[in-house]
Amino acid sequence: MMSELTRILQQAGEQAGFSFSEKQIVLFEQYFDLLVKGNEKINLTSLTDPQEVAIKHFIDSLTCLTALTLPVGSQVLDVGTGAGFPGIPLKIYRNDLKITLMDSLQKRVNFLNETLQDLGLQDSRAIHDRAEDFAQRKEQRESYDLVVSRAVARLAVLAEYCLPCVKIGGYFISQKGPTIEDEVRESTKALVILGGEIEEVKKLSLPVIQDGRSIVVIKKISPTPKQYPRKAGMPAKKPLL
C-alpha cells in the first residue's frame, strides 16, 4: 500500500514538473523516517506531517532547479542547511551533483553526516562552520558552481555569507517567501560590493497547498573583495545597505 508521503510526493511532484524514480521515492521515504526519529533528539524541523514535509521541505527544496540549468557534476554548497534543506533533496533528485552542507550547529552536522551515510549518497558531506569563517577558507572561496540557501537572514546579509564561495560565472540562489521586493531593493549595494547581479526573481506557488515562494537568482560577475565576509556576527549586525 502506498504511503501518504509517497502519494503526496508523486502528486505534488507532477504538478511542479518533477517525476521521481522508485529509488528516489525510497530515499525520500528513508529521509523522512530519519528526520522524524532525529527530531526526537534534536530540533531539526517543526514539520513532521507527511504532506507538509513532502511539499514544504522536499518539493520546495527542488524548486530552485526550475530557475537554473545546472550542468552535470556541479559543485553545490547549501549554507545554513539546518536539517538538510535544500541540499539533501537536491542530491536525491540529482545524484550527479557534488553537495556540501554547511551548518553552525555540530549536533545537526552529526545528524546530516549520518543521514548521508544511511542514504548512501556519495560525493556529499556536511561541515560544521560559521558562514563568515567558511567563506574565508582558501579551499572554499570561489569554488562552487551554485551556492543555495533557504536560511532566514535577509538577502543583503545572505549575499555576504554566500557570494564569496561562488565561482565567477556561477550562481547564488536564495529561496524566499512570497514578498521579497523590499529585500531585493535593500540588497543593491551589497551585490555591487560582493560581485553579484540579480538575473531573475522567479515567483511560484507550491503545488497542492498553493503557498507563495520567490527564488532570487544572482550571478557572480566579478571577484568578491578579500575583506568579505567580515568577522562572525558583523554581516547581520551591520549589513551592507
C-alpha atoms as a PDB file:
ATOM      1  CA  MET A   1       0.000   0.000   0.000  1.00  0.00           C
ATOM      2  CA  MET A   2       1.312   3.434  -0.978  1.00  0.00           C
ATOM      3  CA  SER A   3       2.298   5.665   1.964  1.00  0.00           C
ATOM      4  CA  GLU A   4       0.882   9.165   2.349  1.00  0.00           C
ATOM      5  CA  LEU A   5       4.335  10.683   1.800  1.00  0.00           C
ATOM      6  CA  THR A   6       4.784   8.816  -1.497  1.00  0.00           C
ATOM      7  CA  ARG A   7       1.282   9.685  -2.698  1.00  0.00           C
ATOM      8  CA  ILE A   8       1.732  13.407  -1.938  1.00  0.00           C
ATOM      9  CA  LEU A   9       5.279  13.473  -3.356  1.00  0.00           C
ATOM     10  CA  GLN A  10       4.137  11.977  -6.648  1.00  0.00           C
ATOM     11  CA  GLN A  11       1.080  14.208  -6.898  1.00  0.00           C
ATOM     12  CA  ALA A  12       2.902  17.413  -5.920  1.00  0.00           C
ATOM     13  CA  GLY A  13       5.964  16.488  -7.974  1.00  0.00           C
ATOM     14  CA  GLU A  14       3.862  16.027 -11.090  1.00  0.00           C
ATOM     15  CA  GLN A  15       2.246  19.449 -10.600  1.00  0.00           C
ATOM     16  CA  ALA A  16       5.656  21.083 -10.056  1.00  0.00           C
ATOM     17  CA  GLY A  17       7.277  19.349 -13.042  1.00  0.00           C
ATOM     18  CA  PHE A  18       9.258  16.653 -11.202  1.00  0.00           C
ATOM     19  CA  SER A  19       8.910  12.920 -11.744  1.00  0.00           C
ATOM     20  CA  PHE A  20      10.555  10.528  -9.303  1.00  0.00           C
ATOM     21  CA  SER A  21      12.059   7.094  -9.863  1.00  0.00           C
ATOM     22  CA  GLU A  22      11.281   4.247  -7.467  1.00  0.00           C
ATOM     23  CA  LYS A  23      14.771   4.609  -5.969  1.00  0.00           C
ATOM     24  CA  GLN A  24      14.244   8.340  -5.367  1.00  0.00           C
ATOM     25  CA  ILE A  25      10.904   7.683  -3.662  1.00  0.00           C
ATOM     26  CA  VAL A  26      12.556   5.090  -1.389  1.00  0.00           C
ATOM     27  CA  LEU A  27      15.287   7.612  -0.480  1.00  0.00           C
ATOM     28  CA  PHE A  28      12.736  10.332   0.302  1.00  0.00           C
ATOM     29  CA  GLU A  29      10.836   7.845   2.488  1.00  0.00           C
ATOM     30  CA  GLN A  30      14.041   6.909   4.342  1.00  0.00           C
ATOM     31  CA  TYR A  31      14.997  10.564   4.755  1.00  0.00           C
ATOM     32  CA  PHE A  32      11.545  11.324   6.169  1.00  0.00           C
ATOM     33  CA  ASP A  33      11.897   8.493   8.711  1.00  0.00           C
ATOM     34  CA  LEU A  34      15.369   9.702   9.738  1.00  0.00           C
ATOM     35  CA  LEU A  35      14.043  13.266  10.126  1.00  0.00           C
ATOM     36  CA  VAL A  36      11.186  12.180  12.388  1.00  0.00           C
ATOM     37  CA  LYS A  37      13.474   9.995  14.531  1.00  0.00           C
ATOM     38  CA  GLY A  38      16.243  12.611  14.651  1.00  0.00           C
ATOM     39  CA  ASN A  39      13.731  15.275  15.609  1.00  0.00           C
ATOM     40  CA  GLU A  40      13.059  13.415  18.873  1.00  0.00           C
ATOM     41  CA  LYS A  41      16.673  14.080  19.944  1.00  0.00           C
ATOM     42  CA  ILE A  42      17.470  17.496  18.444  1.00  0.00           C
ATOM     43  CA  ASN A  43      15.397  20.298  16.966  1.00  0.00           C
ATOM     44  CA  LEU A  44      15.542  19.691  13.209  1.00  0.00           C
ATOM     45  CA  THR A  45      12.138  20.785  11.916  1.00  0.00           C
ATOM     46  CA  SER A  46       8.780  21.948  13.220  1.00  0.00           C
ATOM     47  CA  LEU A  47       7.124  19.997  10.368  1.00  0.00           C
ATOM     48  CA  THR A  48       6.645  16.239  10.774  1.00  0.00           C
ATOM     49  CA  ASP A  49       3.327  15.703   8.963  1.00  0.00           C
ATOM     50  CA  PRO A  50       3.958  13.716   5.734  1.00  0.00           C
ATOM     51  CA  GLN A  51       2.137  16.221   3.487  1.00  0.00           C
ATOM     52  CA  GLU A  52       3.925  19.226   4.987  1.00  0.00           C
ATOM     53  CA  VAL A  53       7.349  17.583   4.764  1.00  0.00           C
ATOM     54  CA  ALA A  54       6.717  16.366   1.211  1.00  0.00           C
ATOM     55  CA  ILE A  55       5.654  19.786  -0.072  1.00  0.00           C
ATOM     56  CA  LYS A  56       7.189  22.419   2.223  1.00  0.00           C
ATOM     57  CA  HIS A  57      10.560  20.695   2.544  1.00  0.00           C
ATOM     58  CA  PHE A  58      11.135  18.219  -0.285  1.00  0.00           C
ATOM     59  CA  ILE A  59       9.342  19.846  -3.251  1.00  0.00           C
ATOM     60  CA  ASP A  60      10.159  23.364  -2.044  1.00  0.00           C
ATOM     61  CA  SER A  61      13.854  22.418  -1.934  1.00  0.00           C
ATOM     62  CA  LEU A  62      13.748  21.238  -5.544  1.00  0.00           C
ATOM     63  CA  THR A  63      12.109  24.400  -6.899  1.00  0.00           C
ATOM     64  CA  CYS A  64      15.499  26.104  -7.306  1.00  0.00           C
ATOM     65  CA  LEU A  65      16.135  23.662 -10.184  1.00  0.00           C
ATOM     66  CA  THR A  66      13.261  25.313 -12.082  1.00  0.00           C
ATOM     67  CA  ALA A  67      15.180  28.609 -12.123  1.00  0.00           C
ATOM     68  CA  LEU A  68      18.560  27.325 -13.304  1.00  0.00           C
ATOM     69  CA  THR A  69      20.038  24.641 -15.539  1.00  0.00           C
ATOM     70  CA  LEU A  70      22.798  23.027 -13.505  1.00  0.00           C
ATOM     71  CA  PRO A  71      25.492  21.182 -15.513  1.00  0.00           C
ATOM     72  CA  VAL A  72      26.190  17.551 -14.630  1.00  0.00           C
ATOM     73  CA  GLY A  73      28.625  17.198 -11.717  1.00  0.00           C
ATOM     74  CA  SER A  74      28.197  20.764 -10.462  1.00  0.00           C
ATOM     75  CA  GLN A  75      29.645  21.645  -7.050  1.00  0.00           C
ATOM     76  CA  VAL A  76      26.792  22.857  -4.819  1.00  0.00           C
ATOM     77  CA  LEU A  77      27.027  24.461  -1.371  1.00  0.00           C
ATOM     78  CA  ASP A  78      23.995  24.706   0.926  1.00  0.00           C
ATOM     79  CA  VAL A  79      24.565  27.462   3.511  1.00  0.00           C
ATOM     80  CA  GLY A  80      22.713  27.182   6.825  1.00  0.00           C
ATOM     81  CA  THR A  81      21.292  23.840   5.748  1.00  0.00           C
ATOM     82  CA  GLY A  82      19.592  23.001   9.070  1.00  0.00           C
ATOM     83  CA  ALA A  83      18.048  19.552   8.639  1.00  0.00           C
ATOM     84  CA  GLY A  84      19.442  19.297   5.093  1.00  0.00           C
ATOM     85  CA  PHE A  85      17.274  21.629   3.021  1.00  0.00           C
ATOM     86  CA  PRO A  86      17.582  22.142   0.142  1.00  0.00           C
ATOM     87  CA  GLY A  87      20.815  20.132  -0.196  1.00  0.00           C
ATOM     88  CA  ILE A  88      19.686  16.564   0.519  1.00  0.00           C
ATOM     89  CA  PRO A  89      16.536  16.672  -1.675  1.00  0.00           C
ATOM     90  CA  LEU A  90      18.708  18.150  -4.470  1.00  0.00           C
ATOM     91  CA  LYS A  91      21.167  15.260  -4.090  1.00  0.00           C
ATOM     92  CA  ILE A  92      18.372  12.661  -4.066  1.00  0.00           C
ATOM     93  CA  TYR A  93      16.873  14.146  -7.252  1.00  0.00           C
ATOM     94  CA  ARG A  94      20.192  14.939  -8.972  1.00  0.00           C
ATOM     95  CA  ASN A  95      22.633  12.274  -7.796  1.00  0.00           C
ATOM     96  CA  ASP A  96      25.330  13.689 -10.120  1.00  0.00           C
ATOM     97  CA  LEU A  97      25.659  16.864  -8.024  1.00  0.00           C
ATOM     98  CA  LYS A  98      28.515  17.180  -5.530  1.00  0.00           C
ATOM     99  CA  ILE A  99      26.845  18.561  -2.420  1.00  0.00           C
ATOM    100  CA  THR A 100      28.375  20.308   0.608  1.00  0.00           C
ATOM    101  CA  LEU A 101      26.022  21.030   3.512  1.00  0.00           C
ATOM    102  CA  MET A 102      27.212  23.703   5.934  1.00  0.00           C
ATOM    103  CA  ASP A 103      25.687  24.473   9.322  1.00  0.00           C
ATOM    104  CA  SER A 104      26.826  26.183  12.537  1.00  0.00           C
ATOM    105  CA  LEU A 105      25.369  23.584  14.940  1.00  0.00           C
ATOM    106  CA  GLN A 106      27.514  20.492  15.500  1.00  0.00           C
ATOM    107  CA  LYS A 107      24.576  18.264  16.530  1.00  0.00           C
ATOM    108  CA  ARG A 108      22.808  18.977  13.245  1.00  0.00           C
ATOM    109  CA  VAL A 109      26.006  18.319  11.278  1.00  0.00           C
ATOM    110  CA  ASN A 110      26.376  14.952  13.033  1.00  0.00           C
ATOM    111  CA  PHE A 111      22.787  14.103  12.063  1.00  0.00           C
ATOM    112  CA  LEU A 112      23.429  15.186   8.460  1.00  0.00           C
ATOM    113  CA  ASN A 113      26.592  13.115   8.033  1.00  0.00           C
ATOM    114  CA  GLU A 114      24.846  10.051   9.493  1.00  0.00           C
ATOM    115  CA  THR A 115      21.889  10.667   7.173  1.00  0.00           C
ATOM    116  CA  LEU A 116      24.111  10.989   4.079  1.00  0.00           C
ATOM    117  CA  GLN A 117      25.771   7.701   5.039  1.00  0.00           C
ATOM    118  CA  ASP A 118      22.472   5.926   5.773  1.00  0.00           C
ATOM    119  CA  LEU A 119      21.034   7.058   2.435  1.00  0.00           C
ATOM    120  CA  GLY A 120      24.200   6.005   0.576  1.00  0.00           C
ATOM    121  CA  LEU A 121      24.637   9.437  -1.005  1.00  0.00           C
ATOM    122  CA  GLN A 122      28.148   9.654  -2.488  1.00  0.00           C
ATOM    123  CA  ASP A 123      30.016  12.916  -3.217  1.00  0.00           C
ATOM    124  CA  SER A 124      28.217  14.682  -0.379  1.00  0.00           C
ATOM    125  CA  ARG A 125      29.338  15.921   3.020  1.00  0.00           C
ATOM    126  CA  ALA A 126      28.251  18.079   5.942  1.00  0.00           C
ATOM    127  CA  ILE A 127      30.638  20.593   7.509  1.00  0.00           C
ATOM    128  CA  HIS A 128      30.394  22.343  10.875  1.00  0.00           C
ATOM    129  CA  ASP A 129      31.296  26.014  10.437  1.00  0.00           C
ATOM    130  CA  ARG A 130      30.029  29.578  10.565  1.00  0.00           C
ATOM    131  CA  ALA A 131      29.293  31.074   7.160  1.00  0.00           C
ATOM    132  CA  GLU A 132      31.598  34.041   7.800  1.00  0.00           C
ATOM    133  CA  ASP A 133      34.553  31.759   8.626  1.00  0.00           C
ATOM    134  CA  PHE A 134      33.804  29.119   5.981  1.00  0.00           C
ATOM    135  CA  ALA A 135      33.882  31.672   3.138  1.00  0.00           C
ATOM    136  CA  GLN A 136      37.317  32.928   4.236  1.00  0.00           C
ATOM    137  CA  ARG A 137      38.894  29.467   3.949  1.00  0.00           C
ATOM    138  CA  LYS A 138      41.099  29.352   0.849  1.00  0.00           C
ATOM    139  CA  GLU A 139      39.868  25.937  -0.345  1.00  0.00           C
ATOM    140  CA  GLN A 140      36.197  27.040  -0.175  1.00  0.00           C
ATOM    141  CA  ARG A 141      36.454  30.517  -1.646  1.00  0.00           C
ATOM    142  CA  GLU A 142      35.019  30.993  -5.163  1.00  0.00           C
ATOM    143  CA  SER A 143      34.966  27.206  -5.667  1.00  0.00           C
ATOM    144  CA  TYR A 144      31.246  26.399  -6.061  1.00  0.00           C
ATOM    145  CA  ASP A 145      29.085  26.445  -9.204  1.00  0.00           C
ATOM    146  CA  LEU A 146      25.992  27.088  -7.094  1.00  0.00           C
ATOM    147  CA  VAL A 147      25.522  28.307  -3.539  1.00  0.00           C
ATOM    148  CA  VAL A 148      21.953  27.980  -2.309  1.00  0.00           C
ATOM    149  CA  SER A 149      20.244  28.942   0.919  1.00  0.00           C
ATOM    150  CA  ARG A 150      16.798  28.725   2.460  1.00  0.00           C
ATOM    151  CA  ALA A 151      18.180  30.491   5.532  1.00  0.00           C
ATOM    152  CA  VAL A 152      16.130  33.150   7.266  1.00  0.00           C
ATOM    153  CA  ALA A 153      18.625  36.032   7.026  1.00  0.00           C
ATOM    154  CA  ARG A 154      17.700  38.968   4.812  1.00  0.00           C
ATOM    155  CA  LEU A 155      19.110  38.973   1.299  1.00  0.00           C
ATOM    156  CA  ALA A 156      21.817  41.626   1.887  1.00  0.00           C
ATOM    157  CA  VAL A 157      23.194  39.535   4.778  1.00  0.00           C
ATOM    158  CA  LEU A 158      22.849  36.216   2.958  1.00  0.00           C
ATOM    159  CA  ALA A 159      24.723  37.630  -0.035  1.00  0.00           C
ATOM    160  CA  GLU A 160      27.730  38.363   2.182  1.00  0.00           C
ATOM    161  CA  TYR A 161      27.636  34.795   3.513  1.00  0.00           C
ATOM    162  CA  CYS A 162      27.183  33.127   0.139  1.00  0.00           C
ATOM    163  CA  LEU A 163      28.653  35.106  -2.779  1.00  0.00           C
ATOM    164  CA  PRO A 164      32.305  34.780  -1.630  1.00  0.00           C
ATOM    165  CA  CYS A 165      32.031  30.998  -2.188  1.00  0.00           C
ATOM    166  CA  VAL A 166      30.593  31.253  -5.728  1.00  0.00           C
ATOM    167  CA  LYS A 167      32.859  30.846  -8.772  1.00  0.00           C
ATOM    168  CA  ILE A 168      32.951  33.703 -11.272  1.00  0.00           C
ATOM    169  CA  GLY A 169      30.103  32.863 -13.669  1.00  0.00           C
ATOM    170  CA  GLY A 170      28.423  30.706 -11.031  1.00  0.00           C
ATOM    171  CA  TYR A 171      25.207  31.421  -9.144  1.00  0.00           C
ATOM    172  CA  PHE A 172      23.821  32.156  -5.706  1.00  0.00           C
ATOM    173  CA  ILE A 173      20.156  31.235  -5.277  1.00  0.00           C
ATOM    174  CA  SER A 174      18.162  32.486  -2.311  1.00  0.00           C
ATOM    175  CA  GLN A 175      14.874  30.676  -1.692  1.00  0.00           C
ATOM    176  CA  LYS A 176      12.411  33.028  -0.031  1.00  0.00           C
ATOM    177  CA  GLY A 177       8.753  33.586   0.785  1.00  0.00           C
ATOM    178  CA  PRO A 178       6.268  35.448  -1.427  1.00  0.00           C
ATOM    179  CA  THR A 179       7.158  39.055  -0.518  1.00  0.00           C
ATOM    180  CA  ILE A 180      10.759  39.758  -1.455  1.00  0.00           C
ATOM    181  CA  GLU A 181      10.634  43.223  -3.048  1.00  0.00           C
ATOM    182  CA  ASP A 182      11.981  45.175  -0.044  1.00  0.00           C
ATOM    183  CA  GLU A 183      14.849  42.722   0.465  1.00  0.00           C
ATOM    184  CA  VAL A 184      15.782  42.895  -3.209  1.00  0.00           C
ATOM    185  CA  ARG A 185      15.833  46.706  -3.108  1.00  0.00           C
ATOM    186  CA  GLU A 186      17.941  46.881   0.045  1.00  0.00           C
ATOM    187  CA  SER A 187      20.464  44.330  -1.309  1.00  0.00           C
ATOM    188  CA  THR A 188      21.515  46.524  -4.264  1.00  0.00           C
ATOM    189  CA  LYS A 189      24.635  47.968  -2.608  1.00  0.00           C
ATOM    190  CA  ALA A 190      25.714  44.609  -1.125  1.00  0.00           C
ATOM    191  CA  LEU A 191      25.508  42.874  -4.506  1.00  0.00           C
ATOM    192  CA  VAL A 192      27.608  45.555  -6.224  1.00  0.00           C
ATOM    193  CA  ILE A 193      30.287  45.312  -3.498  1.00  0.00           C
ATOM    194  CA  LEU A 194      30.292  41.487  -3.426  1.00  0.00           C
ATOM    195  CA  GLY A 195      30.364  40.928  -7.201  1.00  0.00           C
ATOM    196  CA  GLY A 196      26.808  39.712  -7.773  1.00  0.00           C
ATOM    197  CA  GLU A 197      23.993  40.726 -10.088  1.00  0.00           C
ATOM    198  CA  ILE A 198      20.338  39.695  -9.913  1.00  0.00           C
ATOM    199  CA  GLU A 199      19.432  37.763 -13.042  1.00  0.00           C
ATOM    200  CA  GLU A 200      15.856  36.861 -12.125  1.00  0.00           C
ATOM    201  CA  VAL A 201      13.347  36.902  -9.294  1.00  0.00           C
ATOM    202  CA  LYS A 202      11.073  33.951 -10.008  1.00  0.00           C
ATOM    203  CA  LYS A 203       7.678  33.757  -8.328  1.00  0.00           C
ATOM    204  CA  LEU A 204       5.890  30.446  -7.877  1.00  0.00           C
ATOM    205  CA  SER A 205       3.298  28.634  -5.797  1.00  0.00           C
ATOM    206  CA  LEU A 206       3.964  25.311  -4.128  1.00  0.00           C
ATOM    207  CA  PRO A 207       1.718  22.573  -5.553  1.00  0.00           C
ATOM    208  CA  VAL A 208      -1.393  21.350  -3.706  1.00  0.00           C
ATOM    209  CA  ILE A 209      -1.163  23.940  -0.888  1.00  0.00           C
ATOM    210  CA  GLN A 210      -0.524  26.984  -3.146  1.00  0.00           C
ATOM    211  CA  ASP A 211       1.881  28.692  -0.731  1.00  0.00           C
ATOM    212  CA  GLY A 212       3.775  31.503  -2.473  1.00  0.00           C
ATOM    213  CA  ARG A 213       7.563  31.413  -2.912  1.00  0.00           C
ATOM    214  CA  SER A 214      10.274  33.564  -4.504  1.00  0.00           C
ATOM    215  CA  ILE A 215      13.549  32.352  -5.993  1.00  0.00           C
ATOM    216  CA  VAL A 216      16.209  35.050  -6.297  1.00  0.00           C
ATOM    217  CA  VAL A 217      18.810  34.087  -8.923  1.00  0.00           C
ATOM    218  CA  ILE A 218      22.082  36.020  -8.547  1.00  0.00           C
ATOM    219  CA  LYS A 219      25.014  35.599 -10.963  1.00  0.00           C
ATOM    220  CA  LYS A 220      28.606  36.087  -9.785  1.00  0.00           C
ATOM    221  CA  ILE A 221      30.070  38.546 -12.280  1.00  0.00           C
ATOM    222  CA  SER A 222      33.263  39.697 -10.516  1.00  0.00           C
ATOM    223  CA  PRO A 223      35.513  38.565  -7.631  1.00  0.00           C
ATOM    224  CA  THR A 224      34.431  39.285  -4.063  1.00  0.00           C
ATOM    225  CA  PRO A 225      36.923  41.593  -2.281  1.00  0.00           C
ATOM    226  CA  LYS A 226      39.044  39.679   0.240  1.00  0.00           C
ATOM    227  CA  GLN A 227      37.673  41.517   3.290  1.00  0.00           C
ATOM    228  CA  TYR A 228      34.228  39.919   2.765  1.00  0.00           C
ATOM    229  CA  PRO A 229      32.603  38.257   4.530  1.00  0.00           C
ATOM    230  CA  ARG A 230      33.513  40.276   7.600  1.00  0.00           C
ATOM    231  CA  LYS A 231      34.090  38.721  11.033  1.00  0.00           C
ATOM    232  CA  ALA A 232      31.426  36.498  12.582  1.00  0.00           C
ATOM    233  CA  GLY A 233      28.345  38.476  13.555  1.00  0.00           C
ATOM    234  CA  MET A 234      29.225  41.612  11.568  1.00  0.00           C
ATOM    235  CA  PRO A 235      27.189  40.944   8.389  1.00  0.00           C
ATOM    236  CA  ALA A 236      23.997  40.564  10.450  1.00  0.00           C
ATOM    237  CA  LYS A 237      24.833  43.439  12.824  1.00  0.00           C
ATOM    238  CA  LYS A 238      25.892  45.915  10.117  1.00  0.00           C
ATOM    239  CA  PRO A 239      24.505  44.808   6.723  1.00  0.00           C
ATOM    240  CA  LEU A 240      25.936  46.346   3.540  1.00  0.00           C
ATOM    241  CA  LEU A 241      22.954  48.636   2.950  1.00  0.00           C
END
